[in-house]
All heavy atoms as atom14 arrays in JSON, in Angstrom:
{
  "sequence": "AHKRPRQKTTEEVFSTVIEELYPNRNYCVSVVVTASLNKHSIPSAWKC",
  "atom14_mask": [
    [1, 1, 1, 1, 1, 0, 0, 0, 0, 0, 0, 0, 0, 0],
    [1, 1, 1, 1, 1, 1, 1, 1, 1, 1, 0, 0, 0, 0],
    [1, 1, 1, 1, 1, 1, 1, 1, 1, 0, 0, 0, 0, 0],
    [1, 1, 1, 1, 1, 1, 1, 1, 1, 1, 1, 0, 0, 0],
    [1, 1, 1, 1, 1, 1, 1, 0, 0, 0, 0, 0, 0, 0],
    [1, 1, 1, 1, 1, 1, 1, 1, 1, 1, 1, 0, 0, 0],
    [1, 1, 1, 1, 1, 1, 1, 1, 1, 0, 0, 0, 0, 0],
    [1, 1, 1, 1, 1, 1, 1, 1, 1, 0, 0, 0, 0, 0],
    [1, 1, 1, 1, 1, 1, 1, 0, 0, 0, 0, 0, 0, 0],
    [1, 1, 1, 1, 1, 1, 1, 0, 0, 0, 0, 0, 0, 0],
    [1, 1, 1, 1, 1, 1, 1, 1, 1, 0, 0, 0, 0, 0],
    [1, 1, 1, 1, 1, 1, 1, 1, 1, 0, 0, 0, 0, 0],
    [1, 1, 1, 1, 1, 1, 1, 0, 0, 0, 0, 0, 0, 0],
    [1, 1, 1, 1, 1, 1, 1, 1, 1, 1, 1, 0, 0, 0],
    [1, 1, 1, 1, 1, 1, 0, 0, 0, 0, 0, 0, 0, 0],
    [1, 1, 1, 1, 1, 1, 1, 0, 0, 0, 0, 0, 0, 0],
    [1, 1, 1, 1, 1, 1, 1, 0, 0, 0, 0, 0, 0, 0],
    [1, 1, 1, 1, 1, 1, 1, 1, 0, 0, 0, 0, 0, 0],
    [1, 1, 1, 1, 1, 1, 1, 1, 1, 0, 0, 0, 0, 0],
    [1, 1, 1, 1, 1, 1, 1, 1, 1, 0, 0, 0, 0, 0],
    [1, 1, 1, 1, 1, 1, 1, 1, 0, 0, 0, 0, 0, 0],
    [1, 1, 1, 1, 1, 1, 1, 1, 1, 1, 1, 1, 0, 0],
    [1, 1, 1, 1, 1, 1, 1, 0, 0, 0, 0, 0, 0, 0],
    [1, 1, 1, 1, 1, 1, 1, 1, 0, 0, 0, 0, 0, 0],
    [1, 1, 1, 1, 1, 1, 1, 1, 1, 1, 1, 0, 0, 0],
    [1, 1, 1, 1, 1, 1, 1, 1, 0, 0, 0, 0, 0, 0],
    [1, 1, 1, 1, 1, 1, 1, 1, 1, 1, 1, 1, 0, 0],
    [1, 1, 1, 1, 1, 1, 0, 0, 0, 0, 0, 0, 0, 0],
    [1, 1, 1, 1, 1, 1, 1, 0, 0, 0, 0, 0, 0, 0],
    [1, 1, 1, 1, 1, 1, 0, 0, 0, 0, 0, 0, 0, 0],
    [1, 1, 1, 1, 1, 1, 1, 0, 0, 0, 0, 0, 0, 0],
    [1, 1, 1, 1, 1, 1, 1, 0, 0, 0, 0, 0, 0, 0],
    [1, 1, 1, 1, 1, 1, 1, 0, 0, 0, 0, 0, 0, 0],
    [1, 1, 1, 1, 1, 1, 1, 0, 0, 0, 0, 0, 0, 0],
    [1, 1, 1, 1, 1, 0, 0, 0, 0, 0, 0, 0, 0, 0],
    [1, 1, 1, 1, 1, 1, 0, 0, 0, 0, 0, 0, 0, 0],
    [1, 1, 1, 1, 1, 1, 1, 1, 0, 0, 0, 0, 0, 0],
    [1, 1, 1, 1, 1, 1, 1, 1, 0, 0, 0, 0, 0, 0],
    [1, 1, 1, 1, 1, 1, 1, 1, 1, 0, 0, 0, 0, 0],
    [1, 1, 1, 1, 1, 1, 1, 1, 1, 1, 0, 0, 0, 0],
    [1, 1, 1, 1, 1, 1, 0, 0, 0, 0, 0, 0, 0, 0],
    [1, 1, 1, 1, 1, 1, 1, 1, 0, 0, 0, 0, 0, 0],
    [1, 1, 1, 1, 1, 1, 1, 0, 0, 0, 0, 0, 0, 0],
    [1, 1, 1, 1, 1, 1, 0, 0, 0, 0, 0, 0, 0, 0],
    [1, 1, 1, 1, 1, 0, 0, 0, 0, 0, 0, 0, 0, 0],
    [1, 1, 1, 1, 1, 1, 1, 1, 1, 1, 1, 1, 1, 1],
    [1, 1, 1, 1, 1, 1, 1, 1, 1, 0, 0, 0, 0, 0],
    [1, 1, 1, 1, 1, 1, 0, 0, 0, 0, 0, 0, 0, 0]
  ],
  "atom14_positions": [
    [[-9.31, 0.2, -3.87], [-8.11, 0.68, -3.16], [-7.42, -0.49, -2.47], [-8.07, -1.38, -1.93], [-8.51, 1.74, -2.14], [0.0, 0.0, 0.0], [0.0, 0.0, 0.0], [0.0, 0.0, 0.0], [0.0, 0.0, 0.0], [0.0, 0.0, 0.0], [0.0, 0.0, 0.0], [0.0, 0.0, 0.0], [0.0, 0.0, 0.0], [0.0, 0.0, 0.0]],
    [[-6.09, -0.46, -2.51], [-5.3, -1.55, -1.92], [-4.24, -0.94, -1.01], [-3.41, -0.17, -1.46], [-4.61, -2.37, -3.03], [-5.54, -2.79, -4.12], [-6.37, -3.86, -4.01], [-5.78, -2.24, -5.34], [-7.09, -3.99, -5.12], [-6.75, -3.0, -5.94], [0.0, 0.0, 0.0], [0.0, 0.0, 0.0], [0.0, 0.0, 0.0], [0.0, 0.0, 0.0]],
    [[-4.31, -1.31, 0.29], [-3.28, -0.82, 1.22], [-2.04, -1.68, 1.07], [-2.1, -2.9, 1.05], [-3.79, -0.89, 2.67], [-4.71, 0.23, 3.02], [-4.94, 0.31, 4.51], [-5.78, 1.54, 4.8], [-5.97, 1.74, 6.21], [0.0, 0.0, 0.0], [0.0, 0.0, 0.0], [0.0, 0.0, 0.0], [0.0, 0.0, 0.0], [0.0, 0.0, 0.0]],
    [[-0.9, -1.0, 0.98], [0.37, -1.71, 0.87], [0.89, -1.97, 2.28], [0.45, -1.36, 3.23], [1.35, -0.87, 0.05], [0.72, -0.58, -1.33], [1.64, -0.09, -2.37], [2.89, -0.79, -2.52], [3.09, -1.86, -3.27], [2.1, -2.39, -3.95], [4.27, -2.39, -3.38], [0.0, 0.0, 0.0], [0.0, 0.0, 0.0], [0.0, 0.0, 0.0]],
    [[1.86, -2.89, 2.43], [2.37, -3.18, 3.77], [2.96, -1.93, 4.45], [3.52, -1.07, 3.79], [3.48, -4.22, 3.5], [3.16, -4.8, 2.16], [2.48, -3.72, 1.39], [0.0, 0.0, 0.0], [0.0, 0.0, 0.0], [0.0, 0.0, 0.0], [0.0, 0.0, 0.0], [0.0, 0.0, 0.0], [0.0, 0.0, 0.0], [0.0, 0.0, 0.0]],
    [[2.83, -1.89, 5.77], [3.36, -0.78, 6.57], [4.89, -0.75, 6.45], [5.55, -1.78, 6.48], [2.96, -0.99, 8.03], [3.42, 0.09, 8.98], [2.94, -0.18, 10.4], [1.49, -0.3, 10.47], [0.66, 0.73, 10.57], [1.15, 1.95, 10.62], [-0.63, 0.54, 10.62], [0.0, 0.0, 0.0], [0.0, 0.0, 0.0], [0.0, 0.0, 0.0]],
    [[5.44, 0.45, 6.25], [6.88, 0.64, 6.14], [7.34, 1.6, 7.24], [6.53, 2.33, 7.8], [7.24, 1.23, 4.77], [6.78, 0.42, 3.59], [7.64, -0.8, 3.36], [8.85, -0.76, 3.53], [7.02, -1.9, 2.97], [0.0, 0.0, 0.0], [0.0, 0.0, 0.0], [0.0, 0.0, 0.0], [0.0, 0.0, 0.0], [0.0, 0.0, 0.0]],
    [[8.65, 1.6, 7.5], [9.21, 2.51, 8.51], [10.18, 3.49, 7.85], [10.79, 3.17, 6.84], [9.95, 1.72, 9.58], [9.04, 0.82, 10.4], [9.77, 0.23, 11.58], [8.84, -0.6, 12.46], [7.71, 0.14, 12.99], [0.0, 0.0, 0.0], [0.0, 0.0, 0.0], [0.0, 0.0, 0.0], [0.0, 0.0, 0.0], [0.0, 0.0, 0.0]],
    [[10.31, 4.69, 8.44], [11.26, 5.66, 7.94], [11.84, 6.47, 9.09], [11.2, 6.64, 10.13], [10.62, 6.62, 6.91], [11.63, 7.48, 6.41], [9.52, 7.46, 7.54], [0.0, 0.0, 0.0], [0.0, 0.0, 0.0], [0.0, 0.0, 0.0], [0.0, 0.0, 0.0], [0.0, 0.0, 0.0], [0.0, 0.0, 0.0], [0.0, 0.0, 0.0]],
    [[13.07, 6.93, 8.89], [13.72, 7.84, 9.83], [14.11, 9.13, 9.11], [14.82, 9.95, 9.66], [14.98, 7.19, 10.45], [15.84, 6.8, 9.37], [14.63, 5.98, 11.28], [0.0, 0.0, 0.0], [0.0, 0.0, 0.0], [0.0, 0.0, 0.0], [0.0, 0.0, 0.0], [0.0, 0.0, 0.0], [0.0, 0.0, 0.0], [0.0, 0.0, 0.0]],
    [[13.67, 9.27, 7.87], [14.04, 10.44, 7.06], [12.84, 11.37, 6.89], [11.7, 10.92, 6.86], [14.52, 9.99, 5.68], [15.74, 9.08, 5.71], [16.08, 8.57, 4.33], [16.37, 9.4, 3.45], [16.03, 7.35, 4.13], [0.0, 0.0, 0.0], [0.0, 0.0, 0.0], [0.0, 0.0, 0.0], [0.0, 0.0, 0.0], [0.0, 0.0, 0.0]],
    [[13.14, 12.65, 6.74], [12.09, 13.66, 6.53], [11.51, 13.56, 5.11], [10.33, 13.74, 4.91], [12.66, 15.07, 6.74], [12.82, 15.46, 8.19], [11.48, 15.55, 8.92], [10.61, 16.33, 8.49], [11.32, 14.84, 9.91], [0.0, 0.0, 0.0], [0.0, 0.0, 0.0], [0.0, 0.0, 0.0], [0.0, 0.0, 0.0], [0.0, 0.0, 0.0]],
    [[12.39, 13.34, 4.13], [11.97, 13.21, 2.73], [12.57, 11.92, 2.2], [13.77, 11.68, 2.34], [12.45, 14.41, 1.88], [12.02, 14.24, 0.43], [11.92, 15.72, 2.44], [0.0, 0.0, 0.0], [0.0, 0.0, 0.0], [0.0, 0.0, 0.0], [0.0, 0.0, 0.0], [0.0, 0.0, 0.0], [0.0, 0.0, 0.0], [0.0, 0.0, 0.0]],
    [[11.75, 11.09, 1.6], [12.24, 9.8, 1.09], [11.38, 9.36, -0.09], [10.3, 9.89, -0.31], [12.23, 8.74, 2.2], [10.89, 8.57, 2.85], [10.03, 7.56, 2.44], [10.47, 9.42, 3.86], [8.79, 7.4, 3.02], [9.23, 9.28, 4.45], [8.38, 8.26, 4.04], [0.0, 0.0, 0.0], [0.0, 0.0, 0.0], [0.0, 0.0, 0.0]],
    [[11.91, 8.41, -0.84], [11.19, 7.91, -2.02], [11.06, 6.4, -1.95], [11.9, 5.72, -1.35], [11.94, 8.27, -3.3], [11.86, 9.65, -3.52], [0.0, 0.0, 0.0], [0.0, 0.0, 0.0], [0.0, 0.0, 0.0], [0.0, 0.0, 0.0], [0.0, 0.0, 0.0], [0.0, 0.0, 0.0], [0.0, 0.0, 0.0], [0.0, 0.0, 0.0]],
    [[10.02, 5.91, -2.58], [9.83, 4.47, -2.7], [9.2, 4.2, -4.07], [8.55, 5.08, -4.63], [8.94, 3.92, -1.55], [8.86, 2.51, -1.66], [7.54, 4.51, -1.59], [0.0, 0.0, 0.0], [0.0, 0.0, 0.0], [0.0, 0.0, 0.0], [0.0, 0.0, 0.0], [0.0, 0.0, 0.0], [0.0, 0.0, 0.0], [0.0, 0.0, 0.0]],
    [[9.42, 3.01, -4.59], [8.89, 2.66, -5.91], [7.88, 1.53, -5.75], [8.15, 0.53, -5.1], [10.03, 2.24, -6.87], [9.46, 1.79, -8.21], [11.0, 3.38, -7.07], [0.0, 0.0, 0.0], [0.0, 0.0, 0.0], [0.0, 0.0, 0.0], [0.0, 0.0, 0.0], [0.0, 0.0, 0.0], [0.0, 0.0, 0.0], [0.0, 0.0, 0.0]],
    [[6.7, 1.72, -6.33], [5.69, 0.67, -6.36], [5.81, 0.01, -7.73], [5.59, 0.66, -8.75], [4.27, 1.24, -6.15], [4.19, 1.98, -4.82], [3.23, 0.12, -6.23], [2.89, 2.73, -4.61], [0.0, 0.0, 0.0], [0.0, 0.0, 0.0], [0.0, 0.0, 0.0], [0.0, 0.0, 0.0], [0.0, 0.0, 0.0], [0.0, 0.0, 0.0]],
    [[6.19, -1.27, -7.72], [6.5, -1.96, -8.98], [5.4, -2.95, -9.36], [4.42, -3.12, -8.65], [7.84, -2.69, -8.85], [9.0, -1.74, -8.65], [10.33, -2.45, -8.53], [10.48, -3.28, -7.62], [11.19, -2.18, -9.37], [0.0, 0.0, 0.0], [0.0, 0.0, 0.0], [0.0, 0.0, 0.0], [0.0, 0.0, 0.0], [0.0, 0.0, 0.0]],
    [[5.63, -3.62, -10.48], [4.75, -4.67, -11.0], [3.33, -4.17, -11.23], [2.35, -4.83, -10.9], [4.77, -5.89, -10.07], [6.14, -6.54, -10.01], [6.2, -7.72, -9.05], [5.13, -8.22, -8.65], [7.31, -8.13, -8.72], [0.0, 0.0, 0.0], [0.0, 0.0, 0.0], [0.0, 0.0, 0.0], [0.0, 0.0, 0.0], [0.0, 0.0, 0.0]],
    [[3.23, -2.96, -11.8], [1.93, -2.41, -12.15], [1.68, -2.61, -13.64], [2.59, -2.92, -14.4], [1.89, -0.91, -11.82], [2.16, -0.54, -10.36], [2.17, 0.96, -10.19], [1.13, -1.18, -9.44], [0.0, 0.0, 0.0], [0.0, 0.0, 0.0], [0.0, 0.0, 0.0], [0.0, 0.0, 0.0], [0.0, 0.0, 0.0], [0.0, 0.0, 0.0]],
    [[0.45, -2.43, -14.05], [0.12, -2.57, -15.47], [0.48, -1.28, -16.21], [0.28, -0.19, -15.66], [-1.37, -2.85, -15.64], [-1.78, -4.22, -15.15], [-2.46, -4.35, -13.94], [-1.49, -5.37, -15.88], [-2.84, -5.61, -13.47], [-1.86, -6.62, -15.43], [-2.54, -6.73, -14.22], [-2.9, -7.97, -13.77], [0.0, 0.0, 0.0], [0.0, 0.0, 0.0]],
    [[0.98, -1.39, -17.44], [1.28, -0.17, -18.21], [0.0, 0.52, -18.67], [-1.05, -0.11, -18.78], [2.08, -0.7, -19.41], [1.67, -2.14, -19.54], [1.33, -2.61, -18.16], [0.0, 0.0, 0.0], [0.0, 0.0, 0.0], [0.0, 0.0, 0.0], [0.0, 0.0, 0.0], [0.0, 0.0, 0.0], [0.0, 0.0, 0.0], [0.0, 0.0, 0.0]],
    [[0.11, 1.82, -18.92], [-1.01, 2.62, -19.43], [-2.25, 2.57, -18.56], [-3.36, 2.63, -19.06], [-1.39, 2.18, -20.86], [-0.45, 2.74, -21.88], [0.23, 3.73, -21.64], [-0.39, 2.1, -23.03], [0.0, 0.0, 0.0], [0.0, 0.0, 0.0], [0.0, 0.0, 0.0], [0.0, 0.0, 0.0], [0.0, 0.0, 0.0], [0.0, 0.0, 0.0]],
    [[-2.07, 2.45, -17.24], [-3.21, 2.45, -16.32], [-3.08, 3.64, -15.39], [-1.97, 4.06, -15.04], [-3.23, 1.16, -15.47], [-3.55, -0.07, -16.24], [-4.97, -0.57, -15.94], [-5.25, -1.77, -16.71], [-5.32, -2.97, -16.18], [-5.12, -3.17, -14.91], [-5.61, -4.01, -16.96], [0.0, 0.0, 0.0], [0.0, 0.0, 0.0], [0.0, 0.0, 0.0]],
    [[-4.22, 4.14, -14.95], [-4.23, 5.27, -14.03], [-4.21, 4.74, -12.59], [-5.01, 3.88, -12.23], [-5.48, 6.13, -14.25], [-5.38, 7.45, -13.53], [-4.37, 8.13, -13.62], [-6.42, 7.8, -12.81], [0.0, 0.0, 0.0], [0.0, 0.0, 0.0], [0.0, 0.0, 0.0], [0.0, 0.0, 0.0], [0.0, 0.0, 0.0], [0.0, 0.0, 0.0]],
    [[-3.26, 5.23, -11.8], [-3.15, 4.84, -10.39], [-3.14, 6.11, -9.54], [-2.55, 7.12, -9.92], [-1.85, 4.07, -10.14], [-1.81, 2.7, -10.76], [-1.27, 2.49, -12.02], [-2.33, 1.6, -10.08], [-1.24, 1.23, -12.6], [-2.3, 0.33, -10.65], [-1.75, 0.15, -11.9], [-1.73, -1.1, -12.45], [0.0, 0.0, 0.0], [0.0, 0.0, 0.0]],
    [[-3.79, 6.02, -8.37], [-3.79, 7.13, -7.43], [-3.18, 6.65, -6.12], [-3.31, 5.48, -5.74], [-5.2, 7.63, -7.18], [-5.98, 8.3, -8.68], [0.0, 0.0, 0.0], [0.0, 0.0, 0.0], [0.0, 0.0, 0.0], [0.0, 0.0, 0.0], [0.0, 0.0, 0.0], [0.0, 0.0, 0.0], [0.0, 0.0, 0.0], [0.0, 0.0, 0.0]],
    [[-2.49, 7.57, -5.43], [-1.76, 7.21, -4.22], [-2.11, 8.19, -3.09], [-2.21, 9.39, -3.32], [-0.23, 7.27, -4.5], [0.57, 7.17, -3.21], [0.18, 6.16, -5.45], [0.0, 0.0, 0.0], [0.0, 0.0, 0.0], [0.0, 0.0, 0.0], [0.0, 0.0, 0.0], [0.0, 0.0, 0.0], [0.0, 0.0, 0.0], [0.0, 0.0, 0.0]],
    [[-2.3, 7.65, -1.89], [-2.47, 8.46, -0.68], [-1.59, 7.82, 0.4], [-1.44, 6.6, 0.44], [-3.93, 8.48, -0.24], [-4.05, 9.23, 0.96], [0.0, 0.0, 0.0], [0.0, 0.0, 0.0], [0.0, 0.0, 0.0], [0.0, 0.0, 0.0], [0.0, 0.0, 0.0], [0.0, 0.0, 0.0], [0.0, 0.0, 0.0], [0.0, 0.0, 0.0]],
    [[-1.02, 8.67, 1.27], [-0.1, 8.17, 2.3], [-0.59, 8.6, 3.68], [-1.0, 9.74, 3.88], [1.33, 8.71, 2.07], [2.28, 8.23, 3.16], [1.85, 8.28, 0.7], [0.0, 0.0, 0.0], [0.0, 0.0, 0.0], [0.0, 0.0, 0.0], [0.0, 0.0, 0.0], [0.0, 0.0, 0.0], [0.0, 0.0, 0.0], [0.0, 0.0, 0.0]],
    [[-0.52, 7.67, 4.63], [-0.84, 7.95, 6.03], [0.42, 7.74, 6.85], [1.08, 6.69, 6.73], [-1.96, 7.02, 6.56], [-2.16, 7.2, 8.05], [-3.25, 7.28, 5.82], [0.0, 0.0, 0.0], [0.0, 0.0, 0.0], [0.0, 0.0, 0.0], [0.0, 0.0, 0.0], [0.0, 0.0, 0.0], [0.0, 0.0, 0.0], [0.0, 0.0, 0.0]],
    [[0.79, 8.73, 7.66], [1.98, 8.64, 8.51], [1.52, 8.53, 9.96], [0.68, 9.31, 10.42], [2.88, 9.88, 8.34], [4.06, 9.84, 9.3], [3.38, 9.98, 6.9], [0.0, 0.0, 0.0], [0.0, 0.0, 0.0], [0.0, 0.0, 0.0], [0.0, 0.0, 0.0], [0.0, 0.0, 0.0], [0.0, 0.0, 0.0], [0.0, 0.0, 0.0]],
    [[2.07, 7.55, 10.67], [1.77, 7.38, 12.1], [3.07, 7.17, 12.86], [4.11, 6.87, 12.27], [0.83, 6.18, 12.36], [1.45, 4.99, 11.84], [-0.53, 6.37, 11.72], [0.0, 0.0, 0.0], [0.0, 0.0, 0.0], [0.0, 0.0, 0.0], [0.0, 0.0, 0.0], [0.0, 0.0, 0.0], [0.0, 0.0, 0.0], [0.0, 0.0, 0.0]],
    [[2.97, 7.32, 14.18], [4.12, 7.05, 15.05], [3.7, 6.02, 16.08], [2.5, 5.82, 16.31], [4.58, 8.34, 15.73], [0.0, 0.0, 0.0], [0.0, 0.0, 0.0], [0.0, 0.0, 0.0], [0.0, 0.0, 0.0], [0.0, 0.0, 0.0], [0.0, 0.0, 0.0], [0.0, 0.0, 0.0], [0.0, 0.0, 0.0], [0.0, 0.0, 0.0]],
    [[4.67, 5.38, 16.71], [4.35, 4.35, 17.69], [3.52, 4.92, 18.84], [2.65, 4.25, 19.38], [5.63, 3.7, 18.23], [6.46, 4.71, 18.78], [0.0, 0.0, 0.0], [0.0, 0.0, 0.0], [0.0, 0.0, 0.0], [0.0, 0.0, 0.0], [0.0, 0.0, 0.0], [0.0, 0.0, 0.0], [0.0, 0.0, 0.0], [0.0, 0.0, 0.0]],
    [[3.76, 6.2, 19.19], [3.04, 6.83, 20.3], [1.85, 7.66, 19.82], [1.13, 8.23, 20.64], [3.99, 7.73, 21.09], [5.22, 7.04, 21.68], [6.16, 8.04, 22.29], [4.79, 6.0, 22.71], [0.0, 0.0, 0.0], [0.0, 0.0, 0.0], [0.0, 0.0, 0.0], [0.0, 0.0, 0.0], [0.0, 0.0, 0.0], [0.0, 0.0, 0.0]],
    [[1.66, 7.77, 18.51], [0.57, 8.59, 17.99], [-0.01, 7.96, 16.73], [0.58, 8.02, 15.67], [1.07, 10.01, 17.69], [-0.05, 10.95, 17.33], [-1.19, 10.55, 17.11], [0.28, 12.24, 17.28], [0.0, 0.0, 0.0], [0.0, 0.0, 0.0], [0.0, 0.0, 0.0], [0.0, 0.0, 0.0], [0.0, 0.0, 0.0], [0.0, 0.0, 0.0]],
    [[-1.18, 7.34, 16.89], [-1.82, 6.68, 15.75], [-2.84, 7.58, 15.06], [-3.47, 7.18, 14.1], [-2.53, 5.39, 16.22], [-1.6, 4.37, 16.86], [-0.59, 3.83, 15.87], [0.27, 2.75, 16.52], [1.45, 2.44, 15.75], [0.0, 0.0, 0.0], [0.0, 0.0, 0.0], [0.0, 0.0, 0.0], [0.0, 0.0, 0.0], [0.0, 0.0, 0.0]],
    [[-3.02, 8.81, 15.56], [-3.97, 9.75, 14.95], [-3.3, 10.42, 13.76], [-2.28, 11.09, 13.91], [-4.4, 10.81, 15.97], [-5.03, 10.23, 17.2], [-6.25, 9.59, 17.18], [-4.6, 10.18, 18.48], [-6.55, 9.17, 18.38], [-5.55, 9.51, 19.19], [0.0, 0.0, 0.0], [0.0, 0.0, 0.0], [0.0, 0.0, 0.0], [0.0, 0.0, 0.0]],
    [[-3.9, 10.24, 12.59], [-3.26, 10.76, 11.39], [-4.27, 11.22, 10.36], [-5.37, 10.7, 10.28], [-2.37, 9.67, 10.79], [-1.69, 10.17, 9.68], [0.0, 0.0, 0.0], [0.0, 0.0, 0.0], [0.0, 0.0, 0.0], [0.0, 0.0, 0.0], [0.0, 0.0, 0.0], [0.0, 0.0, 0.0], [0.0, 0.0, 0.0], [0.0, 0.0, 0.0]],
    [[-3.85, 12.22, 9.57], [-4.67, 12.7, 8.45], [-4.0, 12.22, 7.17], [-2.82, 12.49, 6.94], [-4.73, 14.24, 8.44], [-5.32, 14.75, 9.76], [-5.54, 14.74, 7.25], [-5.14, 16.24, 9.97], [0.0, 0.0, 0.0], [0.0, 0.0, 0.0], [0.0, 0.0, 0.0], [0.0, 0.0, 0.0], [0.0, 0.0, 0.0], [0.0, 0.0, 0.0]],
    [[-4.71, 11.47, 6.32], [-4.09, 10.98, 5.08], [-3.78, 12.13, 4.12], [-4.44, 13.17, 4.15], [-5.12, 10.03, 4.49], [-6.38, 10.23, 5.26], [-6.08, 11.02, 6.49], [0.0, 0.0, 0.0], [0.0, 0.0, 0.0], [0.0, 0.0, 0.0], [0.0, 0.0, 0.0], [0.0, 0.0, 0.0], [0.0, 0.0, 0.0], [0.0, 0.0, 0.0]],
    [[-2.81, 11.91, 3.28], [-2.46, 12.91, 2.26], [-3.56, 12.96, 1.2], [-4.36, 12.04, 1.08], [-1.12, 12.56, 1.6], [-1.29, 11.45, 0.74], [0.0, 0.0, 0.0], [0.0, 0.0, 0.0], [0.0, 0.0, 0.0], [0.0, 0.0, 0.0], [0.0, 0.0, 0.0], [0.0, 0.0, 0.0], [0.0, 0.0, 0.0], [0.0, 0.0, 0.0]],
    [[-3.56, 14.03, 0.43], [-4.49, 14.13, -0.7], [-4.1, 13.07, -1.74], [-2.94, 12.67, -1.82], [-4.4, 15.52, -1.31], [0.0, 0.0, 0.0], [0.0, 0.0, 0.0], [0.0, 0.0, 0.0], [0.0, 0.0, 0.0], [0.0, 0.0, 0.0], [0.0, 0.0, 0.0], [0.0, 0.0, 0.0], [0.0, 0.0, 0.0], [0.0, 0.0, 0.0]],
    [[-5.07, 12.63, -2.51], [-4.8, 11.65, -3.56], [-4.02, 12.32, -4.68], [-4.33, 13.41, -5.11], [-6.1, 11.07, -4.13], [-6.8, 10.16, -3.18], [-7.85, 10.48, -2.36], [-6.5, 8.79, -2.93], [-8.21, 9.39, -1.61], [-7.41, 8.33, -1.94], [-5.56, 7.9, -3.44], [-7.4, 7.02, -1.46], [-5.55, 6.6, -2.96], [-6.46, 6.17, -1.98]],
    [[-2.97, 11.62, -5.15], [-2.21, 12.07, -6.32], [-2.3, 10.94, -7.34], [-2.12, 9.77, -7.0], [-0.73, 12.3, -5.96], [-0.48, 13.52, -5.07], [-0.59, 14.8, -5.88], [-0.38, 16.03, -5.03], [0.98, 16.46, -4.94], [0.0, 0.0, 0.0], [0.0, 0.0, 0.0], [0.0, 0.0, 0.0], [0.0, 0.0, 0.0], [0.0, 0.0, 0.0]],
    [[-2.58, 11.31, -8.6], [-2.8, 10.3, -9.63], [-1.81, 10.45, -10.79], [-1.35, 11.56, -11.08], [-4.22, 10.4, -10.18], [-5.48, 10.18, -8.91], [0.0, 0.0, 0.0], [0.0, 0.0, 0.0], [0.0, 0.0, 0.0], [0.0, 0.0, 0.0], [0.0, 0.0, 0.0], [0.0, 0.0, 0.0], [0.0, 0.0, 0.0], [0.0, 0.0, 0.0]]
  ]
}
């Protein structure tokens, strides 16, 4: 597993693209959302 750099958002729904991956490979993604005043978070389920 590789954590990507922390990003910021002000939108409720948004998209991002993870590039420079190998073709025909299986990748799974999980997202953790935190706030400056609240670092307690439950990660999302893995999606592959």
